[in-house]
Amino acid sequence: MTNATYDEIFGVVLTLPPLYRAMLAEHLLNSLDEINPEIETAWNREISNRIEAIDQGKVTLIPSDQVLQKLRNR
């Protein structure tokens, strides 16, 4: 690929709405990594456990603005 081709592609991508640029970025990053099925299974299990804990009221959720303010105050 030439620099001109890269610049053309990049220029087109920058015209996309932010959501589509984010989706494209995610797809590009995922294309760089080989997926380890064991790690993916472990993460899916962790996500399910966290959702279940939230649904059952076992954890206290803190609004992001409070978390960010606490970090700023450090």
Foldseek 3Di string as FASTA:
>chain_A
DDPVVVVVVVVVLVVDPPVVNVVVVVVVVVVVDDDDVVVVVVVVVVVVVVVVCVVVVVDDDDDPVVVVVVVVVD
